[in-house]
Amino acid sequence: MIPLRVTTRADRGPALLLIHGFPLDARLWQNQLDRLPMSVRVLAPDLRGCGASPLPPGPCSIDDYARDLLQLMNEQRAERFYVAGHSMGGYIVFSMLRQAPGRILGAALVSSRALPDTEEGRKTRESVAQRAEKEGPGFLADSMPAKAVGDAPPPGVLDTLKTIMSDAQPAGVAAAARAMAGRVDSTPGLARIACPTVVFAGRQDKIVPPAESEAMAGAIPGAKLIWCEHSGHVPMLEEADVITRGLAALVK
């Protein structure tokens, strides 16, 4: 078992697992940790190789990240729980839904997609992995924040993203990039998702096109689509209250 670092808030009530995206860590969810009702037990882990969580030797897959988190929830004595995943975290949510659908009470997909990478996308992931191994994460911290936000991000958002990305573990960045490149197509399983589901999409997302989020929500039975009108790819930072309210409603 990998000893994941976990930030928790409250020790009772329905459990809500918050899964960060790439190349980030649990600090991405600080607004929600601060603002969600105290009646909700919130857990925000650093994925393996991210933040303060160690990276075991060898390659890993999206399914491995999902297994880590299912085991974490076992340790937390949360047999059934709600889960929210941002971007790469959404890919992990899809894997959890395949591996243990009966454990998921409700799911939120934030700025994520069901489609796999294209061949060009996989090549780009490998380039990112190799560069991170050689240079560290600085190039991502310099280039990604501006691409991740909408037209007018709130003060401090760009700095927050740059700080988290600068702190990323080089080997963890490489492992995550390769795991994303190797992920399966989750589109065929969308119609089989049986739990309450919310899709959050930024109208100004430059990474996941809004139309793709809309189509994904339409393919999940009963899914609710919540638009973050002034957000890019990180609405939990750009429109924190929209995400917090939507998650609180899901857990109710």
C-alpha atoms as a PDB file:
ATOM      1  CA  MET A   1       0.000   0.000   0.000  1.00  0.00           C
ATOM      2  CA  ILE A   2       1.349   3.413  -0.992  1.00  0.00           C
ATOM      3  CA  PRO A   3       1.209   5.893   1.919  1.00  0.00           C
ATOM      4  CA  LEU A   4      -0.659   8.702   0.182  1.00  0.00           C
ATOM      5  CA  ARG A   5      -0.678  12.104   1.808  1.00  0.00           C
ATOM      6  CA  VAL A   6      -4.300  13.062   2.460  1.00  0.00           C
ATOM      7  CA  THR A   7      -5.792  16.387   3.491  1.00  0.00           C
ATOM      8  CA  THR A   8      -9.028  15.797   5.387  1.00  0.00           C
ATOM      9  CA  ARG A   9     -11.832  17.956   6.694  1.00  0.00           C
ATOM     10  CA  ALA A  10     -14.386  16.592   9.198  1.00  0.00           C
ATOM     11  CA  ASP A  11     -14.445  12.998  10.381  1.00  0.00           C
ATOM     12  CA  ARG A  12     -18.096  12.123   9.961  1.00  0.00           C
ATOM     13  CA  GLY A  13     -20.869  12.472   7.427  1.00  0.00           C
ATOM     14  CA  PRO A  14     -20.900  11.257   3.820  1.00  0.00           C
ATOM     15  CA  ALA A  15     -17.392  10.957   2.390  1.00  0.00           C
ATOM     16  CA  LEU A  16     -16.378  13.010  -0.644  1.00  0.00           C
ATOM     17  CA  LEU A  17     -13.085  12.134  -2.346  1.00  0.00           C
ATOM     18  CA  LEU A  18     -11.504  14.977  -4.358  1.00  0.00           C
ATOM     19  CA  ILE A  19      -9.010  13.879  -7.041  1.00  0.00           C
ATOM     20  CA  HIS A  20      -6.679  16.504  -8.474  1.00  0.00           C
ATOM     21  CA  GLY A  21      -5.505  16.796 -12.059  1.00  0.00           C
ATOM     22  CA  PHE A  22      -2.100  17.044 -13.783  1.00  0.00           C
ATOM     23  CA  PRO A  23       0.524  18.216 -12.852  1.00  0.00           C
ATOM     24  CA  LEU A  24      -1.006  19.287  -9.557  1.00  0.00           C
ATOM     25  CA  ASP A  25      -1.729  18.072  -6.031  1.00  0.00           C
ATOM     26  CA  ALA A  26      -4.445  18.308  -3.381  1.00  0.00           C
ATOM     27  CA  ARG A  27      -3.882  22.050  -2.928  1.00  0.00           C
ATOM     28  CA  LEU A  28      -5.974  22.474  -6.078  1.00  0.00           C
ATOM     29  CA  TRP A  29      -9.058  21.805  -3.918  1.00  0.00           C
ATOM     30  CA  GLN A  30      -8.249  24.163  -1.027  1.00  0.00           C
ATOM     31  CA  ASN A  31     -11.243  26.399  -1.728  1.00  0.00           C
ATOM     32  CA  GLN A  32     -13.577  23.426  -1.502  1.00  0.00           C
ATOM     33  CA  LEU A  33     -11.863  22.091   1.621  1.00  0.00           C
ATOM     34  CA  ASP A  34     -12.461  25.485   3.200  1.00  0.00           C
ATOM     35  CA  ARG A  35     -16.024  26.029   1.988  1.00  0.00           C
ATOM     36  CA  LEU A  36     -17.885  22.714   1.776  1.00  0.00           C
ATOM     37  CA  PRO A  37     -20.378  22.134   4.619  1.00  0.00           C
ATOM     38  CA  MET A  38     -18.915  20.656   7.777  1.00  0.00           C
ATOM     39  CA  SER A  39     -21.519  17.908   7.453  1.00  0.00           C
ATOM     40  CA  VAL A  40     -19.454  16.478   4.568  1.00  0.00           C
ATOM     41  CA  ARG A  41     -16.330  14.418   5.262  1.00  0.00           C
ATOM     42  CA  VAL A  42     -13.873  15.637   2.617  1.00  0.00           C
ATOM     43  CA  LEU A  43     -10.691  13.799   1.628  1.00  0.00           C
ATOM     44  CA  ALA A  44      -8.198  15.279  -0.844  1.00  0.00           C
ATOM     45  CA  PRO A  45      -5.178  13.025  -1.466  1.00  0.00           C
ATOM     46  CA  ASP A  46      -1.982  13.687  -3.345  1.00  0.00           C
ATOM     47  CA  LEU A  47      -1.871  10.969  -6.003  1.00  0.00           C
ATOM     48  CA  ARG A  48       1.166   8.682  -6.129  1.00  0.00           C
ATOM     49  CA  GLY A  49       4.189  10.685  -7.242  1.00  0.00           C
ATOM     50  CA  CYS A  50       2.376  13.983  -6.686  1.00  0.00           C
ATOM     51  CA  GLY A  51       2.718  16.502  -3.891  1.00  0.00           C
ATOM     52  CA  ALA A  52       3.997  14.691  -0.808  1.00  0.00           C
ATOM     53  CA  SER A  53       3.001  11.177  -1.891  1.00  0.00           C
ATOM     54  CA  PRO A  54       5.801   8.791  -2.909  1.00  0.00           C
ATOM     55  CA  LEU A  55       6.105   7.197  -6.327  1.00  0.00           C
ATOM     56  CA  PRO A  56       6.766   3.447  -6.301  1.00  0.00           C
ATOM     57  CA  PRO A  57       9.239   2.080  -8.861  1.00  0.00           C
ATOM     58  CA  GLY A  58       8.059   1.094 -12.307  1.00  0.00           C
ATOM     59  CA  PRO A  59       5.393   2.420 -14.666  1.00  0.00           C
ATOM     60  CA  CYS A  60       1.816   2.986 -13.576  1.00  0.00           C
ATOM     61  CA  SER A  61      -1.566   3.250 -15.234  1.00  0.00           C
ATOM     62  CA  ILE A  62      -4.761   5.176 -14.614  1.00  0.00           C
ATOM     63  CA  ASP A  63      -6.140   1.948 -13.158  1.00  0.00           C
ATOM     64  CA  ASP A  64      -3.249   1.906 -10.663  1.00  0.00           C
ATOM     65  CA  TYR A  65      -4.131   5.392  -9.442  1.00  0.00           C
ATOM     66  CA  ALA A  66      -7.739   4.240  -9.069  1.00  0.00           C
ATOM     67  CA  ARG A  67      -6.701   1.163  -7.092  1.00  0.00           C
ATOM     68  CA  ASP A  68      -4.619   3.353  -4.782  1.00  0.00           C
ATOM     69  CA  LEU A  69      -7.673   5.456  -4.013  1.00  0.00           C
ATOM     70  CA  LEU A  70     -10.028   2.532  -3.529  1.00  0.00           C
ATOM     71  CA  GLN A  71      -7.542   1.145  -1.019  1.00  0.00           C
ATOM     72  CA  LEU A  72      -7.281   4.557   0.634  1.00  0.00           C
ATOM     73  CA  MET A  73     -11.039   4.633   1.104  1.00  0.00           C
ATOM     74  CA  ASN A  74     -10.858   1.137   2.594  1.00  0.00           C
ATOM     75  CA  GLU A  75      -8.342   2.453   5.112  1.00  0.00           C
ATOM     76  CA  GLN A  76     -10.624   5.390   5.819  1.00  0.00           C
ATOM     77  CA  ARG A  77     -13.489   2.944   6.435  1.00  0.00           C
ATOM     78  CA  ALA A  78     -15.528   4.572   3.675  1.00  0.00           C
ATOM     79  CA  GLU A  79     -17.150   1.617   1.941  1.00  0.00           C
ATOM     80  CA  ARG A  80     -19.316   3.886  -0.212  1.00  0.00           C
ATOM     81  CA  PHE A  81     -18.502   7.468  -1.083  1.00  0.00           C
ATOM     82  CA  TYR A  82     -18.867  10.359  -3.498  1.00  0.00           C
ATOM     83  CA  VAL A  83     -16.000  11.251  -5.798  1.00  0.00           C
ATOM     84  CA  ALA A  84     -14.989  14.285  -7.862  1.00  0.00           C
ATOM     85  CA  GLY A  85     -12.164  14.245 -10.384  1.00  0.00           C
ATOM     86  CA  HIS A  86     -10.511  17.148 -12.183  1.00  0.00           C
ATOM     87  CA  SER A  87      -9.114  16.510 -15.680  1.00  0.00           C
ATOM     88  CA  MET A  88      -6.774  13.520 -15.141  1.00  0.00           C
ATOM     89  CA  GLY A  89      -8.709  12.963 -11.924  1.00  0.00           C
ATOM     90  CA  GLY A  90     -11.781  12.404 -14.071  1.00  0.00           C
ATOM     91  CA  TYR A  91      -9.993   9.613 -15.928  1.00  0.00           C
ATOM     92  CA  ILE A  92      -9.389   8.032 -12.534  1.00  0.00           C
ATOM     93  CA  VAL A  93     -13.083   8.418 -11.659  1.00  0.00           C
ATOM     94  CA  PHE A  94     -13.997   6.485 -14.808  1.00  0.00           C
ATOM     95  CA  SER A  95     -11.620   3.704 -13.773  1.00  0.00           C
ATOM     96  CA  MET A  96     -13.118   3.600 -10.273  1.00  0.00           C
ATOM     97  CA  LEU A  97     -16.586   3.336 -11.793  1.00  0.00           C
ATOM     98  CA  ARG A  98     -15.421   0.365 -13.854  1.00  0.00           C
ATOM     99  CA  GLN A  99     -13.622  -1.346 -10.978  1.00  0.00           C
ATOM    100  CA  ALA A 100     -16.070  -0.718  -8.135  1.00  0.00           C
ATOM    101  CA  PRO A 101     -19.313   0.836  -9.387  1.00  0.00           C
ATOM    102  CA  GLY A 102     -21.233  -0.229  -6.307  1.00  0.00           C
ATOM    103  CA  ARG A 103     -18.997   1.847  -4.043  1.00  0.00           C
ATOM    104  CA  ILE A 104     -19.615   5.161  -5.808  1.00  0.00           C
ATOM    105  CA  LEU A 105     -22.643   7.052  -4.482  1.00  0.00           C
ATOM    106  CA  GLY A 106     -22.222   9.938  -6.905  1.00  0.00           C
ATOM    107  CA  ALA A 107     -19.595  11.328  -9.274  1.00  0.00           C
ATOM    108  CA  ALA A 108     -18.488  14.767 -10.425  1.00  0.00           C
ATOM    109  CA  LEU A 109     -16.354  15.245 -13.527  1.00  0.00           C
ATOM    110  CA  VAL A 110     -14.621  18.617 -13.637  1.00  0.00           C
ATOM    111  CA  SER A 111     -12.993  19.771 -16.881  1.00  0.00           C
ATOM    112  CA  SER A 112     -12.485  16.154 -17.916  1.00  0.00           C
ATOM    113  CA  ARG A 113     -13.179  13.951 -20.919  1.00  0.00           C
ATOM    114  CA  ALA A 114     -14.070  10.361 -21.726  1.00  0.00           C
ATOM    115  CA  LEU A 115     -12.133  10.173 -24.990  1.00  0.00           C
ATOM    116  CA  PRO A 116      -8.566   8.782 -25.075  1.00  0.00           C
ATOM    117  CA  ASP A 117      -5.579  10.669 -26.416  1.00  0.00           C
ATOM    118  CA  THR A 118      -5.025  10.863 -30.146  1.00  0.00           C
ATOM    119  CA  GLU A 119      -1.776   9.488 -31.545  1.00  0.00           C
ATOM    120  CA  GLU A 120      -0.441  13.040 -31.662  1.00  0.00           C
ATOM    121  CA  GLY A 121      -1.545  13.544 -28.074  1.00  0.00           C
ATOM    122  CA  ARG A 122       0.299  10.421 -26.957  1.00  0.00           C
ATOM    123  CA  LYS A 123       3.488  11.638 -28.613  1.00  0.00           C
ATOM    124  CA  THR A 124       3.143  14.975 -26.837  1.00  0.00           C
ATOM    125  CA  ARG A 125       2.679  13.191 -23.493  1.00  0.00           C
ATOM    126  CA  GLU A 126       5.890  11.239 -24.038  1.00  0.00           C
ATOM    127  CA  SER A 127       7.757  14.440 -24.890  1.00  0.00           C
ATOM    128  CA  VAL A 128       6.474  16.007 -21.673  1.00  0.00           C
ATOM    129  CA  ALA A 129       7.510  12.916 -19.700  1.00  0.00           C
ATOM    130  CA  GLN A 130      11.029  12.905 -21.098  1.00  0.00           C
ATOM    131  CA  ARG A 131      11.487  16.632 -20.620  1.00  0.00           C
ATOM    132  CA  ALA A 132      10.242  16.449 -17.007  1.00  0.00           C
ATOM    133  CA  GLU A 133      12.742  13.667 -16.297  1.00  0.00           C
ATOM    134  CA  LYS A 134      15.591  15.742 -17.733  1.00  0.00           C
ATOM    135  CA  GLU A 135      14.666  19.275 -16.674  1.00  0.00           C
ATOM    136  CA  GLY A 136      12.156  19.032 -13.859  1.00  0.00           C
ATOM    137  CA  PRO A 137       8.693  20.628 -13.872  1.00  0.00           C
ATOM    138  CA  GLY A 138       9.727  24.244 -14.412  1.00  0.00           C
ATOM    139  CA  PHE A 139       8.752  24.321 -18.079  1.00  0.00           C
ATOM    140  CA  LEU A 140       5.208  23.272 -17.172  1.00  0.00           C
ATOM    141  CA  ALA A 141       4.981  25.866 -14.406  1.00  0.00           C
ATOM    142  CA  ASP A 142       6.062  28.500 -16.935  1.00  0.00           C
ATOM    143  CA  SER A 143       3.686  27.512 -19.739  1.00  0.00           C
ATOM    144  CA  MET A 144       0.606  25.735 -18.396  1.00  0.00           C
ATOM    145  CA  PRO A 145      -1.046  28.220 -16.004  1.00  0.00           C
ATOM    146  CA  ALA A 146      -1.912  30.724 -18.741  1.00  0.00           C
ATOM    147  CA  LYS A 147      -3.427  27.940 -20.858  1.00  0.00           C
ATOM    148  CA  ALA A 148      -5.419  26.597 -17.922  1.00  0.00           C
ATOM    149  CA  VAL A 149      -7.399  29.724 -17.063  1.00  0.00           C
ATOM    150  CA  GLY A 150     -10.111  31.769 -18.713  1.00  0.00           C
ATOM    151  CA  ASP A 151      -9.895  35.335 -19.961  1.00  0.00           C
ATOM    152  CA  ALA A 152      -9.911  37.055 -16.557  1.00  0.00           C
ATOM    153  CA  PRO A 153      -8.816  34.730 -13.749  1.00  0.00           C
ATOM    154  CA  PRO A 154      -9.263  35.967 -10.174  1.00  0.00           C
ATOM    155  CA  PRO A 155      -6.187  37.406  -8.449  1.00  0.00           C
ATOM    156  CA  GLY A 156      -3.788  34.757  -7.237  1.00  0.00           C
ATOM    157  CA  VAL A 157      -4.997  31.890  -9.418  1.00  0.00           C
ATOM    158  CA  LEU A 158      -2.039  31.967 -11.805  1.00  0.00           C
ATOM    159  CA  ASP A 159       0.392  32.155  -8.891  1.00  0.00           C
ATOM    160  CA  THR A 160      -1.312  29.223  -7.166  1.00  0.00           C
ATOM    161  CA  LEU A 161      -1.036  27.076 -10.279  1.00  0.00           C
ATOM    162  CA  LYS A 162       2.589  28.033 -10.847  1.00  0.00           C
ATOM    163  CA  THR A 163       3.496  27.232  -7.242  1.00  0.00           C
ATOM    164  CA  ILE A 164       1.868  23.803  -7.292  1.00  0.00           C
ATOM    165  CA  MET A 165       3.354  22.914 -10.678  1.00  0.00           C
ATOM    166  CA  SER A 166       6.819  24.098  -9.632  1.00  0.00           C
ATOM    167  CA  ASP A 167       6.667  21.746  -6.650  1.00  0.00           C
ATOM    168  CA  ALA A 168       5.781  18.693  -8.769  1.00  0.00           C
ATOM    169  CA  GLN A 169       8.017  15.613  -8.606  1.00  0.00           C
ATOM    170  CA  PRO A 170       9.757  15.150 -11.989  1.00  0.00           C
ATOM    171  CA  ALA A 171       9.333  11.364 -11.955  1.00  0.00           C
ATOM    172  CA  GLY A 172       5.723  11.762 -10.873  1.00  0.00           C
ATOM    173  CA  VAL A 173       5.031  14.126 -13.768  1.00  0.00           C
ATOM    174  CA  ALA A 174       6.548  11.622 -16.196  1.00  0.00           C
ATOM    175  CA  ALA A 175       4.597   8.706 -14.742  1.00  0.00           C
ATOM    176  CA  ALA A 176       1.316  10.607 -14.888  1.00  0.00           C
ATOM    177  CA  ALA A 177       1.892  11.780 -18.461  1.00  0.00           C
ATOM    178  CA  ARG A 178       2.537   8.222 -19.595  1.00  0.00           C
ATOM    179  CA  ALA A 179      -0.460   6.917 -17.653  1.00  0.00           C
ATOM    180  CA  MET A 180      -2.724   9.440 -19.368  1.00  0.00           C
ATOM    181  CA  ALA A 181      -1.285   8.529 -22.763  1.00  0.00           C
ATOM    182  CA  GLY A 182      -2.135   4.885 -22.150  1.00  0.00           C
ATOM    183  CA  ARG A 183      -5.656   5.363 -20.851  1.00  0.00           C
ATOM    184  CA  VAL A 184      -8.582   3.572 -22.441  1.00  0.00           C
ATOM    185  CA  ASP A 185     -11.584   5.119 -24.151  1.00  0.00           C
ATOM    186  CA  SER A 186     -14.244   5.606 -21.471  1.00  0.00           C
ATOM    187  CA  THR A 187     -16.930   6.663 -23.950  1.00  0.00           C
ATOM    188  CA  PRO A 188     -18.500   3.175 -24.319  1.00  0.00           C
ATOM    189  CA  GLY A 189     -19.131   3.040 -20.574  1.00  0.00           C
ATOM    190  CA  LEU A 190     -20.873   6.402 -20.231  1.00  0.00           C
ATOM    191  CA  ALA A 191     -24.335   4.957 -20.815  1.00  0.00           C
ATOM    192  CA  ARG A 192     -23.743   2.429 -18.020  1.00  0.00           C
ATOM    193  CA  ILE A 193     -22.992   4.982 -15.309  1.00  0.00           C
ATOM    194  CA  ALA A 194     -25.802   4.470 -12.823  1.00  0.00           C
ATOM    195  CA  CYS A 195     -24.912   6.869  -9.998  1.00  0.00           C
ATOM    196  CA  PRO A 196     -25.917  10.545  -9.867  1.00  0.00           C
ATOM    197  CA  THR A 197     -23.386  12.451 -11.956  1.00  0.00           C
ATOM    198  CA  VAL A 198     -22.493  16.111 -12.387  1.00  0.00           C
ATOM    199  CA  VAL A 199     -20.318  17.448 -15.208  1.00  0.00           C
ATOM    200  CA  PHE A 200     -18.679  20.836 -14.608  1.00  0.00           C
ATOM    201  CA  ALA A 201     -17.417  22.622 -17.719  1.00  0.00           C
ATOM    202  CA  GLY A 202     -15.673  25.951 -18.211  1.00  0.00           C
ATOM    203  CA  ARG A 203     -17.070  28.015 -21.056  1.00  0.00           C
ATOM    204  CA  GLN A 204     -13.530  29.282 -21.718  1.00  0.00           C
ATOM    205  CA  ASP A 205     -11.714  25.949 -21.374  1.00  0.00           C
ATOM    206  CA  LYS A 206      -8.870  25.794 -23.901  1.00  0.00           C
ATOM    207  CA  ILE A 207      -7.919  22.214 -22.991  1.00  0.00           C
ATOM    208  CA  VAL A 208     -11.263  20.379 -23.002  1.00  0.00           C
ATOM    209  CA  PRO A 209     -13.604  22.012 -25.549  1.00  0.00           C
ATOM    210  CA  PRO A 210     -16.967  22.959 -24.010  1.00  0.00           C
ATOM    211  CA  ALA A 211     -18.813  21.070 -26.742  1.00  0.00           C
ATOM    212  CA  GLU A 212     -17.008  17.880 -25.718  1.00  0.00           C
ATOM    213  CA  SER A 213     -18.105  18.319 -22.101  1.00  0.00           C
ATOM    214  CA  GLU A 214     -21.673  18.903 -23.253  1.00  0.00           C
ATOM    215  CA  ALA A 215     -21.651  15.738 -25.367  1.00  0.00           C
ATOM    216  CA  MET A 216     -20.185  13.701 -22.505  1.00  0.00           C
ATOM    217  CA  ALA A 217     -22.852  14.910 -20.097  1.00  0.00           C
ATOM    218  CA  GLY A 218     -25.525  14.053 -22.639  1.00  0.00           C
ATOM    219  CA  ALA A 219     -24.249  10.477 -22.885  1.00  0.00           C
ATOM    220  CA  ILE A 220     -24.463   9.813 -19.118  1.00  0.00           C
ATOM    221  CA  PRO A 221     -28.001   8.909 -17.988  1.00  0.00           C
ATOM    222  CA  GLY A 222     -29.473  11.693 -15.888  1.00  0.00           C
ATOM    223  CA  ALA A 223     -26.242  13.668 -15.678  1.00  0.00           C
ATOM    224  CA  LYS A 224     -26.432  17.338 -14.758  1.00  0.00           C
ATOM    225  CA  LEU A 225     -24.261  19.773 -16.709  1.00  0.00           C
ATOM    226  CA  ILE A 226     -23.113  22.858 -14.795  1.00  0.00           C
ATOM    227  CA  TRP A 227     -21.491  25.606 -16.826  1.00  0.00           C
ATOM    228  CA  CYS A 228     -18.771  27.708 -15.238  1.00  0.00           C
ATOM    229  CA  GLU A 229     -19.301  30.775 -17.385  1.00  0.00           C
ATOM    230  CA  HIS A 230     -16.091  32.637 -16.548  1.00  0.00           C
ATOM    231  CA  SER A 231     -13.711  29.696 -16.171  1.00  0.00           C
ATOM    232  CA  GLY A 232     -11.126  27.916 -18.209  1.00  0.00           C
ATOM    233  CA  HIS A 233      -9.795  24.513 -17.142  1.00  0.00           C
ATOM    234  CA  VAL A 234      -9.615  25.106 -13.371  1.00  0.00           C
ATOM    235  CA  PRO A 235     -13.069  26.276 -12.225  1.00  0.00           C
ATOM    236  CA  MET A 236     -12.438  25.125  -8.648  1.00  0.00           C
ATOM    237  CA  LEU A 237     -10.032  28.077  -8.508  1.00  0.00           C
ATOM    238  CA  GLU A 238     -11.698  30.448 -10.966  1.00  0.00           C
ATOM    239  CA  GLU A 239     -15.315  30.044  -9.790  1.00  0.00           C
ATOM    240  CA  ALA A 240     -14.862  28.245  -6.504  1.00  0.00           C
ATOM    241  CA  ASP A 241     -18.388  28.878  -5.264  1.00  0.00           C
ATOM    242  CA  VAL A 242     -19.965  27.292  -8.354  1.00  0.00           C
ATOM    243  CA  ILE A 243     -17.967  24.108  -7.824  1.00  0.00           C
ATOM    244  CA  THR A 244     -18.551  24.089  -4.070  1.00  0.00           C
ATOM    245  CA  ARG A 245     -22.319  24.528  -4.419  1.00  0.00           C
ATOM    246  CA  GLY A 246     -22.515  21.831  -7.077  1.00  0.00           C
ATOM    247  CA  LEU A 247     -20.540  19.349  -4.997  1.00  0.00           C
ATOM    248  CA  ALA A 248     -22.601  20.108  -1.893  1.00  0.00           C
ATOM    249  CA  ALA A 249     -25.795  19.474  -3.868  1.00  0.00           C
ATOM    250  CA  LEU A 250     -24.421  16.175  -5.196  1.00  0.00           C
ATOM    251  CA  VAL A 251     -23.567  14.914  -1.721  1.00  0.00           C
ATOM    252  CA  LYS A 252     -27.028  15.812  -0.397  1.00  0.00           C
END
